C-alpha atoms as a PDB file:
ATOM      1  CA  UNK A   1      -8.045  42.149  -2.971  1.00  0.00           C
ATOM      2  CA  UNK A   2     -11.424  43.830  -3.211  1.00  0.00           C
ATOM      3  CA  UNK A   3     -12.096  43.537  -6.806  1.00  0.00           C
ATOM      4  CA  UNK A   4     -12.086  40.467  -9.208  1.00  0.00           C
ATOM      5  CA  UNK A   5      -9.698  40.300 -12.083  1.00  0.00           C
ATOM      6  CA  UNK A   6     -11.492  40.840 -15.361  1.00  0.00           C
ATOM      7  CA  UNK A   7     -10.955  37.255 -16.427  1.00  0.00           C
ATOM      8  CA  UNK A   8     -12.898  35.865 -13.473  1.00  0.00           C
ATOM      9  CA  UNK A   9     -15.500  38.578 -13.088  1.00  0.00           C
ATOM     10  CA  UNK A  10     -18.293  36.348 -14.155  1.00  0.00           C
ATOM     11  CA  UNK A  11     -16.993  33.075 -12.596  1.00  0.00           C
ATOM     12  CA  UNK A  12     -19.332  31.169 -10.234  1.00  0.00           C
ATOM     13  CA  UNK A  13     -16.133  29.436  -8.703  1.00  0.00           C
ATOM     14  CA  UNK A  14     -13.125  31.740  -8.722  1.00  0.00           C
ATOM     15  CA  UNK A  15     -13.332  34.865  -6.515  1.00  0.00           C
ATOM     16  CA  UNK A  16      -9.433  35.736  -6.259  1.00  0.00           C
ATOM     17  CA  UNK A  17      -9.934  36.367  -2.482  1.00  0.00           C
ATOM     18  CA  UNK A  18      -7.478  33.620  -1.906  1.00  0.00           C
ATOM     19  CA  UNK A  19      -4.734  35.082  -4.182  1.00  0.00           C
ATOM     20  CA  UNK A  20      -3.315  36.491  -0.967  1.00  0.00           C
ATOM     21  CA  UNK A  21      -2.659  33.049   0.378  1.00  0.00           C
ATOM     22  CA  UNK A  22      -5.548  33.001   2.723  1.00  0.00           C
ATOM     23  CA  UNK A  23      -8.940  31.086   2.989  1.00  0.00           C
ATOM     24  CA  UNK A  24     -12.152  31.480   4.788  1.00  0.00           C
ATOM     25  CA  UNK A  25     -13.620  29.016   7.426  1.00  0.00           C
ATOM     26  CA  UNK A  26     -17.226  28.032   7.684  1.00  0.00           C
ATOM     27  CA  UNK A  27     -19.580  30.458   9.433  1.00  0.00           C
ATOM     28  CA  UNK A  28     -17.060  33.250   8.867  1.00  0.00           C
ATOM     29  CA  UNK A  29     -14.464  34.556  11.267  1.00  0.00           C
ATOM     30  CA  UNK A  30     -10.934  35.536  10.545  1.00  0.00           C
ATOM     31  CA  UNK A  31      -9.399  34.131   7.293  1.00  0.00           C
ATOM     32  CA  UNK A  32      -6.674  31.626   7.859  1.00  0.00           C
ATOM     33  CA  UNK A  33      -3.450  30.934   5.880  1.00  0.00           C
ATOM     34  CA  UNK A  34      -3.859  28.265   3.226  1.00  0.00           C
ATOM     35  CA  UNK A  35      -0.867  26.313   4.914  1.00  0.00           C
ATOM     36  CA  UNK A  36      -2.641  26.575   8.257  1.00  0.00           C
ATOM     37  CA  UNK A  37      -2.751  23.268  10.083  1.00  0.00           C
ATOM     38  CA  UNK A  38      -6.545  23.313   9.725  1.00  0.00           C
ATOM     39  CA  UNK A  39      -6.461  23.846   6.020  1.00  0.00           C
ATOM     40  CA  UNK A  40      -3.938  21.117   5.669  1.00  0.00           C
ATOM     41  CA  UNK A  41      -6.091  18.736   7.580  1.00  0.00           C
ATOM     42  CA  UNK A  42      -9.498  19.358   5.759  1.00  0.00           C
ATOM     43  CA  UNK A  43      -7.442  19.659   2.381  1.00  0.00           C
ATOM     44  CA  UNK A  44      -6.115  16.086   3.134  1.00  0.00           C
ATOM     45  CA  UNK A  45      -9.670  14.849   3.719  1.00  0.00           C
ATOM     46  CA  UNK A  46     -10.588  16.266   0.203  1.00  0.00           C
ATOM     47  CA  UNK A  47      -7.781  14.295  -1.273  1.00  0.00           C
ATOM     48  CA  UNK A  48      -9.160  11.138   0.322  1.00  0.00           C
ATOM     49  CA  UNK A  49     -12.630  11.712  -1.255  1.00  0.00           C
ATOM     50  CA  UNK A  50     -10.915  12.203  -4.589  1.00  0.00           C
ATOM     51  CA  UNK A  51      -8.937   9.000  -4.293  1.00  0.00           C
ATOM     52  CA  UNK A  52     -11.960   6.916  -3.266  1.00  0.00           C
ATOM     53  CA  UNK A  53     -13.606   8.490  -6.478  1.00  0.00           C
ATOM     54  CA  UNK A  54     -11.069   6.620  -8.565  1.00  0.00           C
ATOM     55  CA  UNK A  55     -12.243   3.378  -7.080  1.00  0.00           C
ATOM     56  CA  UNK A  56     -15.738   4.139  -7.736  1.00  0.00           C
ATOM     57  CA  UNK A  57     -15.075   5.286 -11.341  1.00  0.00           C
ATOM     58  CA  UNK A  58     -13.339   2.221 -11.960  1.00  0.00           C
ATOM     59  CA  UNK A  59     -16.206   0.217 -10.682  1.00  0.00           C
ATOM     60  CA  UNK A  60     -18.624   2.077 -12.875  1.00  0.00           C
ATOM     61  CA  UNK A  61     -16.598   1.456 -15.891  1.00  0.00           C
ATOM     62  CA  UNK A  62     -16.669  -2.304 -15.205  1.00  0.00           C
ATOM     63  CA  UNK A  63     -20.544  -1.967 -14.906  1.00  0.00           C
ATOM     64  CA  UNK A  64     -20.628  -0.097 -18.161  1.00  0.00           C
ATOM     65  CA  UNK A  65     -18.853  -2.835 -20.000  1.00  0.00           C
ATOM     66  CA  UNK A  66     -20.715  -5.684 -18.190  1.00  0.00           C
ATOM     67  CA  UNK A  67     -17.773  -7.188 -16.391  1.00  0.00           C
ATOM     68  CA  UNK A  68     -18.824  -5.918 -12.704  1.00  0.00           C
ATOM     69  CA  UNK A  69     -19.074  -9.147 -10.704  1.00  0.00           C
ATOM     70  CA  UNK A  70     -21.902  -9.503  -8.200  1.00  0.00           C
ATOM     71  CA  UNK A  71     -19.296  -9.401  -5.383  1.00  0.00           C
ATOM     72  CA  UNK A  72     -17.923  -6.161  -6.603  1.00  0.00           C
ATOM     73  CA  UNK A  73     -21.283  -4.518  -6.990  1.00  0.00           C
ATOM     74  CA  UNK A  74     -21.775  -3.678  -3.309  1.00  0.00           C
ATOM     75  CA  UNK A  75     -18.341  -2.046  -2.995  1.00  0.00           C
ATOM     76  CA  UNK A  76     -19.246   1.020  -5.037  1.00  0.00           C
ATOM     77  CA  UNK A  77     -22.254   1.727  -2.566  1.00  0.00           C
ATOM     78  CA  UNK A  78     -19.785   1.460   0.360  1.00  0.00           C
ATOM     79  CA  UNK A  79     -17.224   3.777  -1.302  1.00  0.00           C
ATOM     80  CA  UNK A  80     -19.875   6.446  -1.998  1.00  0.00           C
ATOM     81  CA  UNK A  81     -21.110   6.237   1.506  1.00  0.00           C
ATOM     82  CA  UNK A  82     -17.759   6.955   3.109  1.00  0.00           C
ATOM     83  CA  UNK A  83     -17.065   9.728   0.443  1.00  0.00           C
ATOM     84  CA  UNK A  84     -20.147  11.460   1.773  1.00  0.00           C
ATOM     85  CA  UNK A  85     -19.143  10.819   5.441  1.00  0.00           C
ATOM     86  CA  UNK A  86     -15.870  12.353   4.632  1.00  0.00           C
ATOM     87  CA  UNK A  87     -17.492  15.575   3.697  1.00  0.00           C
ATOM     88  CA  UNK A  88     -18.856  15.717   7.358  1.00  0.00           C
ATOM     89  CA  UNK A  89     -15.262  15.222   8.617  1.00  0.00           C
ATOM     90  CA  UNK A  90     -14.025  18.057   6.247  1.00  0.00           C
ATOM     91  CA  UNK A  91     -16.897  20.510   7.274  1.00  0.00           C
ATOM     92  CA  UNK A  92     -16.045  19.940  11.060  1.00  0.00           C
ATOM     93  CA  UNK A  93     -12.318  20.625  10.425  1.00  0.00           C
ATOM     94  CA  UNK A  94     -13.015  23.659   8.312  1.00  0.00           C
ATOM     95  CA  UNK A  95     -15.528  25.416  10.822  1.00  0.00           C
ATOM     96  CA  UNK A  96     -14.580  28.545  12.591  1.00  0.00           C
ATOM     97  CA  UNK A  97     -13.810  27.427  16.188  1.00  0.00           C
ATOM     98  CA  UNK A  98     -16.064  30.101  17.571  1.00  0.00           C
ATOM     99  CA  UNK A  99     -19.014  28.840  15.757  1.00  0.00           C
ATOM    100  CA  UNK A 100     -18.851  25.179  16.837  1.00  0.00           C
ATOM    101  CA  UNK A 101     -22.278  25.427  18.351  1.00  0.00           C
ATOM    102  CA  UNK A 102     -23.763  25.788  14.993  1.00  0.00           C
ATOM    103  CA  UNK A 103     -22.468  22.271  13.914  1.00  0.00           C
ATOM    104  CA  UNK A 104     -25.126  19.581  13.283  1.00  0.00           C
ATOM    105  CA  UNK A 105     -24.535  15.991  14.244  1.00  0.00           C
ATOM    106  CA  UNK A 106     -23.821  13.826  11.304  1.00  0.00           C
ATOM    107  CA  UNK A 107     -24.124  16.639   8.800  1.00  0.00           C
ATOM    108  CA  UNK A 108     -21.188  18.963   9.830  1.00  0.00           C
ATOM    109  CA  UNK A 109     -20.070  17.206  13.133  1.00  0.00           C
ATOM    110  CA  UNK A 110     -18.561  13.683  13.361  1.00  0.00           C
ATOM    111  CA  UNK A 111     -20.464  11.650  15.974  1.00  0.00           C
ATOM    112  CA  UNK A 112     -20.026   8.375  17.882  1.00  0.00           C
ATOM    113  CA  UNK A 113     -22.787   6.724  15.711  1.00  0.00           C
ATOM    114  CA  UNK A 114     -20.677   7.491  12.588  1.00  0.00           C
ATOM    115  CA  UNK A 115     -17.744   5.744  14.336  1.00  0.00           C
ATOM    116  CA  UNK A 116     -20.046   2.762  15.159  1.00  0.00           C
ATOM    117  CA  UNK A 117     -21.206   2.538  11.656  1.00  0.00           C
ATOM    118  CA  UNK A 118     -17.705   2.136  10.309  1.00  0.00           C
ATOM    119  CA  UNK A 119     -17.064  -0.596  12.853  1.00  0.00           C
ATOM    120  CA  UNK A 120     -20.198  -2.344  11.939  1.00  0.00           C
ATOM    121  CA  UNK A 121     -19.187  -2.343   8.346  1.00  0.00           C
ATOM    122  CA  UNK A 122     -15.616  -3.406   9.201  1.00  0.00           C
ATOM    123  CA  UNK A 123     -16.920  -6.442  11.287  1.00  0.00           C
ATOM    124  CA  UNK A 124     -19.189  -7.414   8.312  1.00  0.00           C
ATOM    125  CA  UNK A 125     -16.372  -7.519   5.992  1.00  0.00           C
ATOM    126  CA  UNK A 126     -14.030  -9.285   8.298  1.00  0.00           C
ATOM    127  CA  UNK A 127     -16.511 -11.913   8.743  1.00  0.00           C
ATOM    128  CA  UNK A 128     -16.645 -12.712   5.029  1.00  0.00           C
ATOM    129  CA  UNK A 129     -13.094 -12.103   3.641  1.00  0.00           C
ATOM    130  CA  UNK A 130     -10.044 -14.074   4.498  1.00  0.00           C
ATOM    131  CA  UNK A 131      -7.444 -11.883   6.125  1.00  0.00           C
ATOM    132  CA  UNK A 132      -3.760 -12.058   5.027  1.00  0.00           C
ATOM    133  CA  UNK A 133      -1.281 -13.135   7.706  1.00  0.00           C
ATOM    134  CA  UNK A 134       1.347 -10.687   6.920  1.00  0.00           C
ATOM    135  CA  UNK A 135       1.932  -7.204   5.166  1.00  0.00           C
ATOM    136  CA  UNK A 136       0.685  -7.044   1.594  1.00  0.00           C
ATOM    137  CA  UNK A 137       1.753  -5.027  -1.542  1.00  0.00           C
ATOM    138  CA  UNK A 138      -1.122  -2.975  -3.044  1.00  0.00           C
ATOM    139  CA  UNK A 139      -1.854  -3.266  -6.836  1.00  0.00           C
ATOM    140  CA  UNK A 140      -3.519  -6.703  -7.382  1.00  0.00           C
ATOM    141  CA  UNK A 141      -6.394  -4.776  -9.161  1.00  0.00           C
ATOM    142  CA  UNK A 142      -7.092  -1.128 -10.050  1.00  0.00           C
ATOM    143  CA  UNK A 143     -10.127  -1.168  -7.641  1.00  0.00           C
ATOM    144  CA  UNK A 144      -8.179  -2.444  -4.685  1.00  0.00           C
ATOM    145  CA  UNK A 145      -5.103  -0.212  -5.568  1.00  0.00           C
ATOM    146  CA  UNK A 146      -7.269   2.868  -5.567  1.00  0.00           C
ATOM    147  CA  UNK A 147      -8.848   2.000  -2.141  1.00  0.00           C
ATOM    148  CA  UNK A 148      -5.374   1.501  -0.834  1.00  0.00           C
ATOM    149  CA  UNK A 149      -4.419   4.845  -2.113  1.00  0.00           C
ATOM    150  CA  UNK A 150      -7.420   6.383  -0.287  1.00  0.00           C
ATOM    151  CA  UNK A 151      -6.431   4.497   2.848  1.00  0.00           C
ATOM    152  CA  UNK A 152      -2.900   6.070   2.960  1.00  0.00           C
ATOM    153  CA  UNK A 153      -4.464   9.532   2.455  1.00  0.00           C
ATOM    154  CA  UNK A 154      -6.865   8.966   5.222  1.00  0.00           C
ATOM    155  CA  UNK A 155      -4.012   7.852   7.532  1.00  0.00           C
ATOM    156  CA  UNK A 156      -2.277  11.211   6.598  1.00  0.00           C
ATOM    157  CA  UNK A 157      -5.350  13.058   7.467  1.00  0.00           C
ATOM    158  CA  UNK A 158      -5.616  11.334  10.780  1.00  0.00           C
ATOM    159  CA  UNK A 159      -1.925  12.312  11.570  1.00  0.00           C
ATOM    160  CA  UNK A 160      -2.859  15.968  10.673  1.00  0.00           C
ATOM    161  CA  UNK A 161      -6.072  15.912  12.965  1.00  0.00           C
ATOM    162  CA  UNK A 162      -3.994  14.425  15.831  1.00  0.00           C
ATOM    163  CA  UNK A 163      -2.039  17.672  15.675  1.00  0.00           C
ATOM    164  CA  UNK A 164      -5.236  19.816  15.718  1.00  0.00           C
ATOM    165  CA  UNK A 165      -6.709  17.699  18.549  1.00  0.00           C
ATOM    166  CA  UNK A 166      -3.723  18.753  20.715  1.00  0.00           C
ATOM    167  CA  UNK A 167      -4.590  22.446  20.011  1.00  0.00           C
ATOM    168  CA  UNK A 168      -8.401  21.836  20.813  1.00  0.00           C
ATOM    169  CA  UNK A 169      -9.286  22.288  17.351  1.00  0.00           C
ATOM    170  CA  UNK A 170     -10.754  18.874  16.430  1.00  0.00           C
ATOM    171  CA  UNK A 171     -13.907  17.154  17.791  1.00  0.00           C
ATOM    172  CA  UNK A 172     -13.992  14.288  19.889  1.00  0.00           C
ATOM    173  CA  UNK A 173     -14.819  11.553  17.389  1.00  0.00           C
ATOM    174  CA  UNK A 174     -12.829  12.811  14.451  1.00  0.00           C
ATOM    175  CA  UNK A 175      -9.590  10.827  15.132  1.00  0.00           C
ATOM    176  CA  UNK A 176     -11.449   7.606  16.095  1.00  0.00           C
ATOM    177  CA  UNK A 177     -13.466   7.870  12.831  1.00  0.00           C
ATOM    178  CA  UNK A 178     -10.478   8.376  10.681  1.00  0.00           C
ATOM    179  CA  UNK A 179      -8.606   5.541  12.598  1.00  0.00           C
ATOM    180  CA  UNK A 180     -11.451   3.217  12.030  1.00  0.00           C
ATOM    181  CA  UNK A 181     -12.028   4.111   8.299  1.00  0.00           C
ATOM    182  CA  UNK A 182      -8.452   3.487   7.530  1.00  0.00           C
ATOM    183  CA  UNK A 183      -8.688  -0.030   8.968  1.00  0.00           C
ATOM    184  CA  UNK A 184     -11.950  -0.647   7.052  1.00  0.00           C
ATOM    185  CA  UNK A 185     -10.436   0.555   3.710  1.00  0.00           C
ATOM    186  CA  UNK A 186      -7.552  -1.953   4.195  1.00  0.00           C
ATOM    187  CA  UNK A 187     -10.039  -4.664   4.570  1.00  0.00           C
ATOM    188  CA  UNK A 188     -12.305  -3.331   1.646  1.00  0.00           C
ATOM    189  CA  UNK A 189      -9.232  -3.491  -0.570  1.00  0.00           C
ATOM    190  CA  UNK A 190      -8.850  -7.239   0.372  1.00  0.00           C
ATOM    191  CA  UNK A 191     -12.496  -7.672  -0.308  1.00  0.00           C
ATOM    192  CA  UNK A 192     -12.096  -6.025  -3.878  1.00  0.00           C
ATOM    193  CA  UNK A 193      -9.214  -8.395  -4.611  1.00  0.00           C
ATOM    194  CA  UNK A 194     -11.296 -11.370  -3.476  1.00  0.00           C
ATOM    195  CA  UNK A 195     -14.129 -10.216  -5.561  1.00  0.00           C
ATOM    196  CA  UNK A 196     -11.905 -10.396  -8.717  1.00  0.00           C
ATOM    197  CA  UNK A 197     -10.356 -13.740  -7.716  1.00  0.00           C
ATOM    198  CA  UNK A 198      -6.986 -12.002  -6.785  1.00  0.00           C
ATOM    199  CA  UNK A 199      -4.842 -13.076  -3.879  1.00  0.00           C
ATOM    200  CA  UNK A 200      -3.110 -10.375  -1.878  1.00  0.00           C
ATOM    201  CA  UNK A 201       0.615 -10.350  -2.750  1.00  0.00           C
ATOM    202  CA  UNK A 202       2.687 -10.650   0.439  1.00  0.00           C
ATOM    203  CA  UNK A 203       5.381  -8.146   0.893  1.00  0.00           C
ATOM    204  CA  UNK A 204       7.916 -10.611   1.959  1.00  0.00           C
ATOM    205  CA  UNK A 205       9.735 -12.168  -0.936  1.00  0.00           C
ATOM    206  CA  UNK A 206      10.048 -15.604   0.593  1.00  0.00           C
ATOM    207  CA  UNK A 207       8.038 -17.109   3.471  1.00  0.00           C
ATOM    208  CA  UNK A 208       9.451 -16.496   6.955  1.00  0.00           C
ATOM    209  CA  UNK A 209      11.503 -19.499   8.207  1.00  0.00           C
ATOM    210  CA  UNK A 210      12.181 -20.341  11.725  1.00  0.00           C
ATOM    211  CA  UNK A 211      15.623 -19.318  13.106  1.00  0.00           C
ATOM    212  CA  UNK A 212      17.451 -20.962  15.889  1.00  0.00           C
ATOM    213  CA  UNK A 213      16.773 -19.083  19.255  1.00  0.00           C
ATOM    214  CA  UNK A 214      19.164 -16.567  20.120  1.00  0.00           C
ATOM    215  CA  UNK A 215      20.460 -15.964  16.461  1.00  0.00           C
ATOM    216  CA  UNK A 216      20.598 -12.250  16.339  1.00  0.00           C
ATOM    217  CA  UNK A 217      19.729 -11.622  12.662  1.00  0.00           C
ATOM    218  CA  UNK A 218      18.710  -8.170  11.189  1.00  0.00           C
ATOM    219  CA  UNK A 219      15.241  -9.805  10.543  1.00  0.00           C
ATOM    220  CA  UNK A 220      14.802 -10.785  14.238  1.00  0.00           C
ATOM    221  CA  UNK A 221      15.653  -7.209  15.143  1.00  0.00           C
ATOM    222  CA  UNK A 222      12.747  -5.910  12.810  1.00  0.00           C
ATOM    223  CA  UNK A 223      15.131  -4.471  10.151  1.00  0.00           C
ATOM    224  CA  UNK A 224      15.293  -5.198   6.399  1.00  0.00           C
ATOM    225  CA  UNK A 225      17.752  -7.945   5.591  1.00  0.00           C
ATOM    226  CA  UNK A 226      18.863  -8.896   2.089  1.00  0.00           C
ATOM    227  CA  UNK A 227      16.640  -6.328   0.374  1.00  0.00           C
ATOM    228  CA  UNK A 228      13.384  -7.739   1.758  1.00  0.00           C
ATOM    229  CA  UNK A 229      11.011  -5.811   3.993  1.00  0.00           C
ATOM    230  CA  UNK A 230      10.868  -7.019   7.589  1.00  0.00           C
ATOM    231  CA  UNK A 231       7.804  -6.762   9.773  1.00  0.00           C
ATOM    232  CA  UNK A 232       8.201  -4.329  12.724  1.00  0.00           C
ATOM    233  CA  UNK A 233       8.622  -6.035  16.168  1.00  0.00           C
ATOM    234  CA  UNK A 234       5.551  -7.043  18.001  1.00  0.00           C
ATOM    235  CA  UNK A 235       3.464  -7.770  14.823  1.00  0.00           C
ATOM    236  CA  UNK A 236       1.640 -10.939  14.205  1.00  0.00           C
ATOM    237  CA  UNK A 237       3.657 -13.307  12.237  1.00  0.00           C
ATOM    238  CA  UNK A 238       1.585 -16.379  12.039  1.00  0.00           C
ATOM    239  CA  UNK A 239      -2.238 -16.569  11.683  1.00  0.00           C
ATOM    240  CA  UNK A 240      -2.995 -13.055  12.788  1.00  0.00           C
ATOM    241  CA  UNK A 241      -3.762 -10.557  10.076  1.00  0.00           C
ATOM    242  CA  UNK A 242      -1.316  -7.659   9.807  1.00  0.00           C
ATOM    243  CA  UNK A 243      -2.491  -4.209   8.909  1.00  0.00           C
ATOM    244  CA  UNK A 244      -0.300  -1.617   7.160  1.00  0.00           C
ATOM    245  CA  UNK A 245       0.274   0.202  10.520  1.00  0.00           C
ATOM    246  CA  UNK A 246       2.091  -2.853  11.651  1.00  0.00           C
ATOM    247  CA  UNK A 247      -0.530  -3.980  14.192  1.00  0.00           C
ATOM    248  CA  UNK A 248      -2.569  -6.981  14.412  1.00  0.00           C
ATOM    249  CA  UNK A 249      -5.896  -7.210  12.674  1.00  0.00           C
ATOM    250  CA  UNK A 250      -7.646  -5.470  15.599  1.00  0.00           C
ATOM    251  CA  UNK A 251      -6.226  -2.239  14.073  1.00  0.00           C
ATOM    252  CA  UNK A 252      -4.598   0.773  15.682  1.00  0.00           C
END
């Protein structure tokens, strides 16, 4: 399509070039399909940024009405920080592979210091927030639920980028960054709950009870029994925090 439709002739946003189902990459090059694996990956990053925006908007509303607790106040800054860092991830994924030499560390390329930064923030929160010992159900507060939603989108982005990595279309630190960020967001959601004096709600309806050794129940095999969700085999069941990926608190 070489000419804009009359309705968007003066638009600063719409060009109509994507009406054929293609989109451009950063630094030019051949246009790619909108359902290309790269487009899907950086589009998912875009979703994660928007989901984090829900949490930040909720915090801003609390501040506006004078009900933002001191413990919640710092969470908004953290959310904004990682929204901005996700733009770096998106830029790297949206770059024409032939122009990777034009990427700039920390601006359009994910770096090891960015991963280290998430790790430092994660360690700081884990030192201050009690960790649940089993799977939890999101939804104790609007802020924490929004953060959990963003976490699941980051995990989806991570899965998309793993596929790109196999094709040589992702940077060295992109998957580690997304992996660590998803872990951090899970802990941040717990911090948001604690800041509003809410307890994380366990996924299990009733506390786990010890069964006689050798009893081959469905729960012992790691499957759901009687309508309740069962923890996957190999997860922490007593004392160790369990993340939504079914791993111990050290993350995936």
